PDB file of N, CA and C in Angstrom:
ATOM      1  N   MET A   1       0.827  -1.176   0.000  1.00  0.00           N
ATOM      2  CA  MET A   1       0.000   0.000   0.000  1.00  0.00           C
ATOM      3  C   MET A   1       0.878   1.249   0.000  1.00  0.00           C
ATOM      4  N   THR A   2       0.566   2.192  -0.846  1.00  0.00           N
ATOM      5  CA  THR A   2       1.341   3.432  -0.878  1.00  0.00           C
ATOM      6  C   THR A   2       0.584   4.526  -0.151  1.00  0.00           C
ATOM      7  N   SER A   3       1.335   5.363   0.521  1.00  0.00           N
ATOM      8  CA  SER A   3       0.691   6.482   1.222  1.00  0.00           C
ATOM      9  C   SER A   3       0.802   7.735   0.366  1.00  0.00           C
ATOM     10  N   LYS A   4      -0.226   8.527   0.406  1.00  0.00           N
ATOM     11  CA  LYS A   4      -0.240   9.778  -0.350  1.00  0.00           C
ATOM     12  C   LYS A   4       0.291  10.890   0.535  1.00  0.00           C
ATOM     13  N   LYS A   5       1.146  11.715  -0.023  1.00  0.00           N
ATOM     14  CA  LYS A   5       1.675  12.854   0.714  1.00  0.00           C
ATOM     15  C   LYS A   5       0.712  14.026   0.593  1.00  0.00           C
ATOM     16  N   ASN A   6       0.574  14.735   1.673  1.00  0.00           N
ATOM     17  CA  ASN A   6      -0.231  15.953   1.658  1.00  0.00           C
ATOM     18  C   ASN A   6       0.606  17.054   1.019  1.00  0.00           C
ATOM     19  N   LEU A   7       0.153  17.600  -0.065  1.00  0.00           N
ATOM     20  CA  LEU A   7       0.909  18.620  -0.784  1.00  0.00           C
ATOM     21  C   LEU A   7       0.918  19.965  -0.068  1.00  0.00           C
ATOM     22  N   CYS A   8       0.113  20.117   0.962  1.00  0.00           N
ATOM     23  CA  CYS A   8       0.016  21.391   1.664  1.00  0.00           C
ATOM     24  C   CYS A   8       0.928  21.464   2.882  1.00  0.00           C
ATOM     25  N   THR A   9       1.643  20.403   3.200  1.00  0.00           N
ATOM     26  CA  THR A   9       2.517  20.425   4.368  1.00  0.00           C
ATOM     27  C   THR A   9       3.966  20.348   3.925  1.00  0.00           C
ATOM     28  N   TYR A  10       4.832  20.895   4.757  1.00  0.00           N
ATOM     29  CA  TYR A  10       6.265  20.866   4.491  1.00  0.00           C
ATOM     30  C   TYR A  10       6.894  19.800   5.369  1.00  0.00           C
ATOM     31  N   GLU A  11       7.629  18.874   4.765  1.00  0.00           N
ATOM     32  CA  GLU A  11       8.212  17.768   5.515  1.00  0.00           C
ATOM     33  C   GLU A  11       9.706  17.941   5.744  1.00  0.00           C
ATOM     34  N   GLY A  12      10.256  19.085   5.436  1.00  0.00           N
ATOM     35  CA  GLY A  12      11.657  19.375   5.726  1.00  0.00           C
ATOM     36  C   GLY A  12      12.603  18.925   4.640  1.00  0.00           C
ATOM     37  N   GLY A  13      13.874  19.236   4.858  1.00  0.00           N
ATOM     38  CA  GLY A  13      14.898  18.796   3.931  1.00  0.00           C
ATOM     39  C   GLY A  13      15.497  19.904   3.089  1.00  0.00           C
ATOM     40  N   ASP A  14      14.792  20.971   2.868  1.00  0.00           N
ATOM     41  CA  ASP A  14      15.284  22.035   1.999  1.00  0.00           C
ATOM     42  C   ASP A  14      15.331  23.370   2.738  1.00  0.00           C
ATOM     43  N   GLU A  15      15.874  23.356   3.953  1.00  0.00           N
ATOM     44  CA  GLU A  15      15.888  24.571   4.755  1.00  0.00           C
ATOM     45  C   GLU A  15      16.680  25.695   4.091  1.00  0.00           C
ATOM     46  N   LYS A  16      17.794  25.361   3.446  1.00  0.00           N
ATOM     47  CA  LYS A  16      18.632  26.378   2.795  1.00  0.00           C
ATOM     48  C   LYS A  16      17.878  27.057   1.654  1.00  0.00           C
ATOM     49  N   ILE A  17      17.158  26.277   0.873  1.00  0.00           N
ATOM     50  CA  ILE A  17      16.383  26.846  -0.231  1.00  0.00           C
ATOM     51  C   ILE A  17      15.279  27.740   0.304  1.00  0.00           C
ATOM     52  N   LEU A  18      14.576  27.270   1.331  1.00  0.00           N
ATOM     53  CA  LEU A  18      13.512  28.083   1.918  1.00  0.00           C
ATOM     54  C   LEU A  18      14.062  29.361   2.524  1.00  0.00           C
ATOM     55  N   GLN A  19      15.239  29.287   3.139  1.00  0.00           N
ATOM     56  CA  GLN A  19      15.854  30.474   3.719  1.00  0.00           C
ATOM     57  C   GLN A  19      16.202  31.478   2.622  1.00  0.00           C
ATOM     58  N   LYS A  20      16.741  31.006   1.503  1.00  0.00           N
ATOM     59  CA  LYS A  20      17.071  31.895   0.389  1.00  0.00           C
ATOM     60  C   LYS A  20      15.818  32.539  -0.187  1.00  0.00           C
ATOM     61  N   ILE A  21      14.747  31.762  -0.321  1.00  0.00           N
ATOM     62  CA  ILE A  21      13.489  32.306  -0.835  1.00  0.00           C
ATOM     63  C   ILE A  21      12.957  33.372   0.109  1.00  0.00           C
ATOM     64  N   PHE A  22      13.014  33.109   1.415  1.00  0.00           N
ATOM     65  CA  PHE A  22      12.529  34.082   2.393  1.00  0.00           C
ATOM     66  C   PHE A  22      13.346  35.370   2.337  1.00  0.00           C
ATOM     67  N   VAL A  23      14.671  35.259   2.286  1.00  0.00           N
ATOM     68  CA  VAL A  23      15.529  36.446   2.229  1.00  0.00           C
ATOM     69  C   VAL A  23      15.250  37.232   0.952  1.00  0.00           C
ATOM     70  N   TYR A  24      15.102  36.549  -0.172  1.00  0.00           N
ATOM     71  CA  TYR A  24      14.798  37.217  -1.437  1.00  0.00           C
ATOM     72  C   TYR A  24      13.458  37.945  -1.359  1.00  0.00           C
ATOM     73  N   ALA A  25      12.428  37.272  -0.846  1.00  0.00           N
ATOM     74  CA  ALA A  25      11.100  37.889  -0.748  1.00  0.00           C
ATOM     75  C   ALA A  25      11.128  39.088   0.194  1.00  0.00           C
ATOM     76  N   ALA A  26      11.802  38.963   1.331  1.00  0.00           N
ATOM     77  CA  ALA A  26      11.889  40.076   2.277  1.00  0.00           C
ATOM     78  C   ALA A  26      12.636  41.254   1.663  1.00  0.00           C
ATOM     79  N   THR A  27      13.689  40.976   0.904  1.00  0.00           N
ATOM     80  CA  THR A  27      14.436  42.041   0.232  1.00  0.00           C
ATOM     81  C   THR A  27      13.565  42.755  -0.790  1.00  0.00           C
ATOM     82  N   MET A  28      12.826  41.999  -1.582  1.00  0.00           N
ATOM     83  CA  MET A  28      11.961  42.611  -2.597  1.00  0.00           C
ATOM     84  C   MET A  28      10.873  43.465  -1.954  1.00  0.00           C
ATOM     85  N   VAL A  29      10.268  42.980  -0.880  1.00  0.00           N
ATOM     86  CA  VAL A  29       9.233  43.750  -0.185  1.00  0.00           C
ATOM     87  C   VAL A  29       9.821  45.048   0.351  1.00  0.00           C
ATOM     88  N   THR A  30      11.024  44.991   0.909  1.00  0.00           N
ATOM     89  CA  THR A  30      11.675  46.189   1.439  1.00  0.00           C
ATOM     90  C   THR A  30      11.965  47.189   0.330  1.00  0.00           C
ATOM     91  N   ILE A  31      12.475  46.725  -0.797  1.00  0.00           N
ATOM     92  CA  ILE A  31      12.778  47.618  -1.919  1.00  0.00           C
ATOM     93  C   ILE A  31      11.512  48.284  -2.431  1.00  0.00           C
ATOM     94  N   VAL A  32      10.455  47.518  -2.613  1.00  0.00           N
ATOM     95  CA  VAL A  32       9.193  48.086  -3.093  1.00  0.00           C
ATOM     96  C   VAL A  32       8.642  49.088  -2.089  1.00  0.00           C
ATOM     97  N   ALA A  33       8.748  48.779  -0.800  1.00  0.00           N
ATOM     98  CA  ALA A  33       8.242  49.696   0.223  1.00  0.00           C
ATOM     99  C   ALA A  33       9.026  51.001   0.235  1.00  0.00           C
ATOM    100  N   LEU A  34      10.343  50.926   0.065  1.00  0.00           N
ATOM    101  CA  LEU A  34      11.166  52.131   0.094  1.00  0.00           C
ATOM    102  C   LEU A  34      11.023  52.964  -1.169  1.00  0.00           C
ATOM    103  N   LEU A  35      10.873  52.320  -2.307  1.00  0.00           N
ATOM    104  CA  LEU A  35      10.802  53.035  -3.577  1.00  0.00           C
ATOM    105  C   LEU A  35       9.389  53.239  -4.082  1.00  0.00           C
ATOM    106  N   GLY A  36       8.428  52.625  -3.449  1.00  0.00           N
ATOM    107  CA  GLY A  36       7.050  52.650  -3.942  1.00  0.00           C
ATOM    108  C   GLY A  36       6.503  54.034  -4.181  1.00  0.00           C
ATOM    109  N   ASN A  37       6.801  54.988  -3.310  1.00  0.00           N
ATOM    110  CA  ASN A  37       6.279  56.340  -3.480  1.00  0.00           C
ATOM    111  C   ASN A  37       6.961  57.089  -4.607  1.00  0.00           C
ATOM    112  N   ASN A  38       8.101  56.605  -5.072  1.00  0.00           N
ATOM    113  CA  ASN A  38       8.813  57.291  -6.141  1.00  0.00           C
ATOM    114  C   ASN A  38       8.646  56.614  -7.493  1.00  0.00           C
ATOM    115  N   LEU A  39       7.907  55.505  -7.533  1.00  0.00           N
ATOM    116  CA  LEU A  39       7.680  54.818  -8.801  1.00  0.00           C
ATOM    117  C   LEU A  39       6.707  55.605  -9.656  1.00  0.00           C
ATOM    118  N   SER A  40       6.923  55.603 -10.924  1.00  0.00           N
ATOM    119  CA  SER A  40       6.014  56.275 -11.839  1.00  0.00           C
ATOM    120  C   SER A  40       5.936  55.472 -13.118  1.00  0.00           C
ATOM    121  N   LEU A  41       4.740  55.343 -13.637  1.00  0.00           N
ATOM    122  CA  LEU A  41       4.564  54.618 -14.889  1.00  0.00           C
ATOM    123  C   LEU A  41       4.485  55.556 -16.075  1.00  0.00           C
ATOM    124  N   GLY A  42       4.768  56.836 -15.865  1.00  0.00           N
ATOM    125  CA  GLY A  42       4.802  57.779 -16.966  1.00  0.00           C
ATOM    126  C   GLY A  42       3.538  58.579 -17.113  1.00  0.00           C
ATOM    127  N   TRP A  43       2.390  57.920 -17.285  1.00  0.00           N
ATOM    128  CA  TRP A  43       1.172  58.665 -17.560  1.00  0.00           C
ATOM    129  C   TRP A  43       0.694  59.473 -16.364  1.00  0.00           C
ATOM    130  N   ALA A  44       1.042  59.090 -15.147  1.00  0.00           N
ATOM    131  CA  ALA A  44       0.566  59.808 -13.967  1.00  0.00           C
ATOM    132  C   ALA A  44       1.273  61.144 -13.805  1.00  0.00           C
ATOM    133  N   GLU A  45       2.468  61.280 -14.355  1.00  0.00           N
ATOM    134  CA  GLU A  45       3.248  62.495 -14.188  1.00  0.00           C
ATOM    135  C   GLU A  45       3.071  63.490 -15.330  1.00  0.00           C
ATOM    136  N   ASN A  46       2.617  63.044 -16.474  1.00  0.00           N
ATOM    137  CA  ASN A  46       2.514  63.922 -17.632  1.00  0.00           C
ATOM    138  C   ASN A  46       1.316  64.848 -17.524  1.00  0.00           C
ATOM    139  N   PRO A  47       1.519  66.150 -17.741  1.00  0.00           N
ATOM    140  CA  PRO A  47       0.356  67.043 -17.742  1.00  0.00           C
ATOM    141  C   PRO A  47      -0.547  66.706 -18.917  1.00  0.00           C
ATOM    142  N   ARG A  48      -1.846  66.866 -18.719  1.00  0.00           N
ATOM    143  CA  ARG A  48      -2.810  66.521 -19.760  1.00  0.00           C
ATOM    144  C   ARG A  48      -3.699  67.706 -20.068  1.00  0.00           C
ATOM    145  N   ASP A  49      -4.238  67.660 -21.239  1.00  0.00           N
ATOM    146  CA  ASP A  49      -5.262  68.619 -21.617  1.00  0.00           C
ATOM    147  C   ASP A  49      -6.471  68.376 -20.720  1.00  0.00           C
ATOM    148  N   PRO A  50      -7.023  69.419 -20.066  1.00  0.00           N
ATOM    149  CA  PRO A  50      -8.148  69.207 -19.153  1.00  0.00           C
ATOM    150  C   PRO A  50      -9.378  68.593 -19.813  1.00  0.00           C
ATOM    151  N   GLU A  51      -9.476  68.662 -21.117  1.00  0.00           N
ATOM    152  CA  GLU A  51     -10.643  68.108 -21.805  1.00  0.00           C
ATOM    153  C   GLU A  51     -10.520  66.603 -22.043  1.00  0.00           C
ATOM    154  N   THR A  52      -9.324  66.047 -21.889  1.00  0.00           N
ATOM    155  CA  THR A  52      -9.154  64.616 -22.128  1.00  0.00           C
ATOM    156  C   THR A  52      -9.479  63.827 -20.868  1.00  0.00           C
ATOM    157  N   VAL A  53      -9.697  62.554 -21.059  1.00  0.00           N
ATOM    158  CA  VAL A  53     -10.031  61.675 -19.943  1.00  0.00           C
ATOM    159  C   VAL A  53      -8.747  61.163 -19.302  1.00  0.00           C
ATOM    160  N   ASP A  54      -8.672  61.240 -18.000  1.00  0.00           N
ATOM    161  CA  ASP A  54      -7.538  60.728 -17.243  1.00  0.00           C
ATOM    162  C   ASP A  54      -7.982  59.426 -16.586  1.00  0.00           C
ATOM    163  N   TRP A  55      -7.736  58.301 -17.252  1.00  0.00           N
ATOM    164  CA  TRP A  55      -8.227  57.012 -16.786  1.00  0.00           C
ATOM    165  C   TRP A  55      -7.570  56.613 -15.482  1.00  0.00           C
ATOM    166  N   TRP A  56      -8.333  55.934 -14.648  1.00  0.00           N
ATOM    167  CA  TRP A  56      -7.829  55.415 -13.376  1.00  0.00           C
ATOM    168  C   TRP A  56      -7.559  53.937 -13.567  1.00  0.00           C
ATOM    169  N   PHE A  57      -6.297  53.550 -13.638  1.00  0.00           N
ATOM    170  CA  PHE A  57      -5.926  52.163 -13.877  1.00  0.00           C
ATOM    171  C   PHE A  57      -5.824  51.347 -12.599  1.00  0.00           C
ATOM    172  N   MET A  58      -5.877  52.005 -11.452  1.00  0.00           N
ATOM    173  CA  MET A  58      -5.747  51.294 -10.181  1.00  0.00           C
ATOM    174  C   MET A  58      -6.459  52.061  -9.080  1.00  0.00           C
ATOM    175  N   PHE A  59      -6.567  51.443  -7.924  1.00  0.00           N
ATOM    176  CA  PHE A  59      -7.194  52.069  -6.766  1.00  0.00           C
ATOM    177  C   PHE A  59      -6.458  53.360  -6.418  1.00  0.00           C
ATOM    178  N   ARG A  60      -7.201  54.435  -6.253  1.00  0.00           N
ATOM    179  CA  ARG A  60      -6.690  55.771  -5.928  1.00  0.00           C
ATOM    180  C   ARG A  60      -5.799  56.338  -7.026  1.00  0.00           C
ATOM    181  N   HIS A  61      -6.004  55.906  -8.262  1.00  0.00           N
ATOM    182  CA  HIS A  61      -5.507  56.508  -9.494  1.00  0.00           C
ATOM    183  C   HIS A  61      -4.112  56.107  -9.940  1.00  0.00           C
ATOM    184  N   ASP A  62      -3.078  56.270  -9.126  1.00  0.00           N
ATOM    185  CA  ASP A  62      -1.711  56.107  -9.609  1.00  0.00           C
ATOM    186  C   ASP A  62      -0.862  55.333  -8.596  1.00  0.00           C
ATOM    187  N   PRO A  63       0.395  55.008  -8.948  1.00  0.00           N
ATOM    188  CA  PRO A  63       1.235  54.246  -8.018  1.00  0.00           C
ATOM    189  C   PRO A  63       1.423  54.924  -6.657  1.00  0.00           C
ATOM    190  N   ARG A  64       1.274  56.225  -6.611  1.00  0.00           N
ATOM    191  CA  ARG A  64       1.397  56.942  -5.331  1.00  0.00           C
ATOM    192  C   ARG A  64       0.081  56.966  -4.560  1.00  0.00           C
ATOM    193  N   HIS A  65      -0.984  56.448  -5.176  1.00  0.00           N
ATOM    194  CA  HIS A  65      -2.332  56.455  -4.582  1.00  0.00           C
ATOM    195  C   HIS A  65      -2.748  57.868  -4.189  1.00  0.00           C
ATOM    196  N   SER A  66      -2.488  58.810  -5.102  1.00  0.00           N
ATOM    197  CA  SER A  66      -2.773  60.218  -4.810  1.00  0.00           C
ATOM    198  C   SER A  66      -4.262  60.530  -4.826  1.00  0.00           C
ATOM    199  N   GLY A  67      -5.032  59.772  -5.599  1.00  0.00           N
ATOM    200  CA  GLY A  67      -6.456  60.067  -5.718  1.00  0.00           C
ATOM    201  C   GLY A  67      -6.715  61.323  -6.526  1.00  0.00           C
ATOM    202  N   TYR A  68      -5.700  61.828  -7.224  1.00  0.00           N
ATOM    203  CA  TYR A  68      -5.817  63.071  -7.984  1.00  0.00           C
ATOM    204  C   TYR A  68      -5.980  62.770  -9.466  1.00  0.00           C
ATOM    205  N   SER A  69      -6.896  63.473 -10.102  1.00  0.00           N
ATOM    206  CA  SER A  69      -7.117  63.324 -11.537  1.00  0.00           C
ATOM    207  C   SER A  69      -7.022  64.684 -12.204  1.00  0.00           C
ATOM    208  N   THR A  70      -6.455  64.709 -13.393  1.00  0.00           N
ATOM    209  CA  THR A  70      -6.385  65.957 -14.145  1.00  0.00           C
ATOM    210  C   THR A  70      -7.637  66.182 -14.986  1.00  0.00           C
ATOM    211  N   SER A  71      -8.546  65.223 -15.003  1.00  0.00           N
ATOM    212  CA  SER A  71      -9.791  65.383 -15.761  1.00  0.00           C
ATOM    213  C   SER A  71     -10.691  66.408 -15.089  1.00  0.00           C
ATOM    214  N   ARG A  72     -11.446  67.099 -15.899  1.00  0.00           N
ATOM    215  CA  ARG A  72     -12.420  68.047 -15.359  1.00  0.00           C
ATOM    216  C   ARG A  72     -13.609  67.280 -14.813  1.00  0.00           C
ATOM    217  N   GLY A  73     -14.090  67.723 -13.692  1.00  0.00           N
ATOM    218  CA  GLY A  73     -15.293  67.136 -13.119  1.00  0.00           C
ATOM    219  C   GLY A  73     -16.520  67.797 -13.716  1.00  0.00           C
ATOM    220  N   PRO A  74     -17.693  67.413 -13.267  1.00  0.00           N
ATOM    221  CA  PRO A  74     -18.917  68.028 -13.779  1.00  0.00           C
ATOM    222  C   PRO A  74     -19.003  69.495 -13.355  1.00  0.00           C
ATOM    223  N   ASP A  75     -19.683  70.289 -14.168  1.00  0.00           N
ATOM    224  CA  ASP A  75     -19.857  71.709 -13.860  1.00  0.00           C
ATOM    225  C   ASP A  75     -20.869  71.929 -12.743  1.00  0.00           C
ATOM    226  N   VAL A  76     -21.795  71.007 -12.566  1.00  0.00           N
ATOM    227  CA  VAL A  76     -22.800  71.112 -11.507  1.00  0.00           C
ATOM    228  C   VAL A  76     -22.751  69.850 -10.665  1.00  0.00           C
ATOM    229  N   GLY A  77     -23.212  69.952  -9.444  1.00  0.00           N
ATOM    230  CA  GLY A  77     -23.170  68.814  -8.540  1.00  0.00           C
ATOM    231  C   GLY A  77     -24.531  68.238  -8.242  1.00  0.00           C
ATOM    232  N   ASN A  78     -25.311  67.952  -9.261  1.00  0.00           N
ATOM    233  CA  ASN A  78     -26.640  67.380  -9.054  1.00  0.00           C
ATOM    234  C   ASN A  78     -26.556  65.889  -8.746  1.00  0.00           C
ATOM    235  N   VAL A  79     -27.352  65.434  -7.784  1.00  0.00           N
ATOM    236  CA  VAL A  79     -27.421  64.010  -7.453  1.00  0.00           C
ATOM    237  C   VAL A  79     -28.190  63.299  -8.557  1.00  0.00           C
ATOM    238  N   LEU A  80     -27.600  62.255  -9.124  1.00  0.00           N
ATOM    239  CA  LEU A  80     -28.251  61.523 -10.207  1.00  0.00           C
ATOM    240  C   LEU A  80     -29.113  60.381  -9.696  1.00  0.00           C
ATOM    241  N   TRP A  81     -28.717  59.755  -8.586  1.00  0.00           N
ATOM    242  CA  TRP A  81     -29.507  58.668  -8.027  1.00  0.00           C
ATOM    243  C   TRP A  81     -29.094  58.424  -6.585  1.00  0.00           C
ATOM    244  N   THR A  82     -29.971  57.799  -5.838  1.00  0.00           N
ATOM    245  CA  THR A  82     -29.696  57.374  -4.464  1.00  0.00           C
ATOM    246  C   THR A  82     -30.277  55.980  -4.270  1.00  0.00           C
ATOM    247  N   TYR A  83     -29.798  55.282  -3.256  1.00  0.00           N
ATOM    248  CA  TYR A  83     -30.326  53.964  -2.939  1.00  0.00           C
ATOM    249  C   TYR A  83     -30.123  53.724  -1.453  1.00  0.00           C
ATOM    250  N   LYS A  84     -31.148  53.260  -0.767  1.00  0.00           N
ATOM    251  CA  LYS A  84     -31.063  53.009   0.665  1.00  0.00           C
ATOM    252  C   LYS A  84     -30.606  51.573   0.902  1.00  0.00           C
ATOM    253  N   THR A  85     -29.497  51.418   1.624  1.00  0.00           N
ATOM    254  CA  THR A  85     -28.988  50.091   1.975  1.00  0.00           C
ATOM    255  C   THR A  85     -29.409  49.755   3.399  1.00  0.00           C
ATOM    256  N   GLY A  86     -29.174  48.504   3.799  1.00  0.00           N
ATOM    257  CA  GLY A  86     -29.561  48.057   5.132  1.00  0.00           C
ATOM    258  C   GLY A  86     -28.733  48.681   6.242  1.00  0.00           C
ATOM    259  N   LEU A  87     -27.465  48.990   5.969  1.00  0.00           N
ATOM    260  CA  LEU A  87     -26.568  49.616   6.946  1.00  0.00           C
ATOM    261  C   LEU A  87     -25.653  50.597   6.228  1.00  0.00           C
ATOM    262  N   TYR A  88     -24.619  51.030   6.922  1.00  0.00           N
ATOM    263  CA  TYR A  88     -23.688  52.007   6.371  1.00  0.00           C
ATOM    264  C   TYR A  88     -22.899  51.438   5.200  1.00  0.00           C
ATOM    265  N   VAL A  89     -22.400  52.340   4.372  1.00  0.00           N
ATOM    266  CA  VAL A  89     -21.490  51.984   3.290  1.00  0.00           C
ATOM    267  C   VAL A  89     -20.158  52.641   3.614  1.00  0.00           C
ATOM    268  N   ASP A  90     -19.163  51.825   3.986  1.00  0.00           N
ATOM    269  CA  ASP A  90     -17.834  52.330   4.318  1.00  0.00           C
ATOM    270  C   ASP A  90     -16.811  52.018   3.235  1.00  0.00           C
ATOM    271  N   SER A  91     -17.169  51.162   2.291  1.00  0.00           N
ATOM    272  CA  SER A  91     -16.214  50.725   1.281  1.00  0.00           C
ATOM    273  C   SER A  91     -16.186  51.683   0.101  1.00  0.00           C
ATOM    274  N   SER A  92     -15.133  51.571  -0.681  1.00  0.00           N
ATOM    275  CA  SER A  92     -15.024  52.349  -1.911  1.00  0.00           C
ATOM    276  C   SER A  92     -15.830  51.659  -2.998  1.00  0.00           C
ATOM    277  N   PRO A  93     -16.497  52.421  -3.853  1.00  0.00           N
ATOM    278  CA  PRO A  93     -17.242  51.791  -4.944  1.00  0.00           C
ATOM    279  C   PRO A  93     -16.290  51.273  -6.021  1.00  0.00           C
ATOM    280  N   ALA A  94     -16.751  50.286  -6.747  1.00  0.00           N
ATOM    281  CA  ALA A  94     -16.018  49.769  -7.899  1.00  0.00           C
ATOM    282  C   ALA A  94     -16.914  49.939  -9.117  1.00  0.00           C
ATOM    283  N   VAL A  95     -16.336  50.364 -10.231  1.00  0.00           N
ATOM    284  CA  VAL A  95     -17.093  50.570 -11.461  1.00  0.00           C
ATOM    285  C   VAL A  95     -16.554  49.621 -12.516  1.00  0.00           C
ATOM    286  N   ALA A  96     -17.450  48.843 -13.127  1.00  0.00           N
ATOM    287  CA  ALA A  96     -17.055  47.922 -14.184  1.00  0.00           C
ATOM    288  C   ALA A  96     -18.218  47.735 -15.141  1.00  0.00           C
ATOM    289  N   TYR A  97     -17.924  47.818 -16.426  1.00  0.00           N
ATOM    290  CA  TYR A  97     -18.903  47.582 -17.484  1.00  0.00           C
ATOM    291  C   TYR A  97     -20.164  48.431 -17.306  1.00  0.00           C
ATOM    292  N   GLY A  98     -19.979  49.689 -16.922  1.00  0.00           N
ATOM    293  CA  GLY A  98     -21.103  50.609 -16.817  1.00  0.00           C
ATOM    294  C   GLY A  98     -21.939  50.463 -15.558  1.00  0.00           C
ATOM    295  N   ARG A  99     -21.478  49.683 -14.601  1.00  0.00           N
ATOM    296  CA  ARG A  99     -22.211  49.498 -13.343  1.00  0.00           C
ATOM    297  C   ARG A  99     -21.347  49.925 -12.167  1.00  0.00           C
ATOM    298  N   VAL A 100     -22.003  50.368 -11.098  1.00  0.00           N
ATOM    299  CA  VAL A 100     -21.322  50.728  -9.861  1.00  0.00           C
ATOM    300  C   VAL A 100     -21.630  49.648  -8.830  1.00  0.00           C
ATOM    301  N   TYR A 101     -20.587  49.075  -8.230  1.00  0.00           N
ATOM    302  CA  TYR A 101     -20.742  48.044  -7.208  1.00  0.00           C
ATOM    303  C   TYR A 101     -20.310  48.625  -5.867  1.00  0.00           C
ATOM    304  N   VAL A 102     -21.182  48.463  -4.851  1.00  0.00           N
ATOM    305  CA  VAL A 102     -20.901  49.000  -3.525  1.00  0.00           C
ATOM    306  C   VAL A 102     -21.202  47.931  -2.486  1.00  0.00           C
ATOM    307  N   GLY A 103     -20.247  47.687  -1.597  1.00  0.00           N
ATOM    308  CA  GLY A 103     -20.470  46.762  -0.490  1.00  0.00           C
ATOM    309  C   GLY A 103     -20.989  47.523   0.711  1.00  0.00           C
ATOM    310  N   SER A 104     -21.917  46.927   1.433  1.00  0.00           N
ATOM    311  CA  SER A 104     -22.530  47.573   2.592  1.00  0.00           C
ATOM    312  C   SER A 104     -22.223  46.779   3.856  1.00  0.00           C
ATOM    313  N   ASP A 105     -22.321  47.449   4.999  1.00  0.00           N
ATOM    314  CA  ASP A 105     -22.097  46.774   6.279  1.00  0.00           C
ATOM    315  C   ASP A 105     -23.191  45.761   6.602  1.00  0.00           C
ATOM    316  N   ASP A 106     -24.240  45.715   5.804  1.00  0.00           N
ATOM    317  CA  ASP A 106     -25.275  44.698   6.021  1.00  0.00           C
ATOM    318  C   ASP A 106     -24.894  43.364   5.370  1.00  0.00           C
ATOM    319  N   GLY A 107     -23.683  43.290   4.797  1.00  0.00           N
ATOM    320  CA  GLY A 107     -23.192  42.055   4.208  1.00  0.00           C
ATOM    321  C   GLY A 107     -23.618  41.843   2.770  1.00  0.00           C
ATOM    322  N   LYS A 108     -24.234  42.845   2.160  1.00  0.00           N
ATOM    323  CA  LYS A 108     -24.711  42.703   0.783  1.00  0.00           C
ATOM    324  C   LYS A 108     -23.892  43.571  -0.162  1.00  0.00           C
ATOM    325  N   MET A 109     -23.863  43.138  -1.420  1.00  0.00           N
ATOM    326  CA  MET A 109     -23.231  43.898  -2.486  1.00  0.00           C
ATOM    327  C   MET A 109     -24.344  44.499  -3.324  1.00  0.00           C
ATOM    328  N   TYR A 110     -24.299  45.807  -3.512  1.00  0.00           N
ATOM    329  CA  TYR A 110     -25.328  46.500  -4.285  1.00  0.00           C
ATOM    330  C   TYR A 110     -24.753  46.917  -5.628  1.00  0.00           C
ATOM    331  N   CYS A 111     -25.601  46.841  -6.648  1.00  0.00           N
ATOM    332  CA  CYS A 111     -25.192  47.179  -7.997  1.00  0.00           C
ATOM    333  C   CYS A 111     -26.227  48.102  -8.608  1.00  0.00           C
TER     334      CYS A 111
END
């Protein structure tokens, strides 16, 4: 009878390899943490014509998470719609395929 090994457990033997992987991962995390605020992908730093769209490719707009956009906002601040949820909404909305998704403290996702 053969026994099956659990692929989710570590049975030892390769401590040196695991140590090298850990040191490499810790070094990479440190480098990203130290340089993260100075990283730029180019488009976030370039001035834009205010009439063009400044797309948000990630949460809070750019690698610095500035939350700043060079796009012009609406000229008026009229409310377009409202919706009553079961509890508070503390999360950030997500927009995909023309829909707005919002998580609520009542445990539901609203669209």
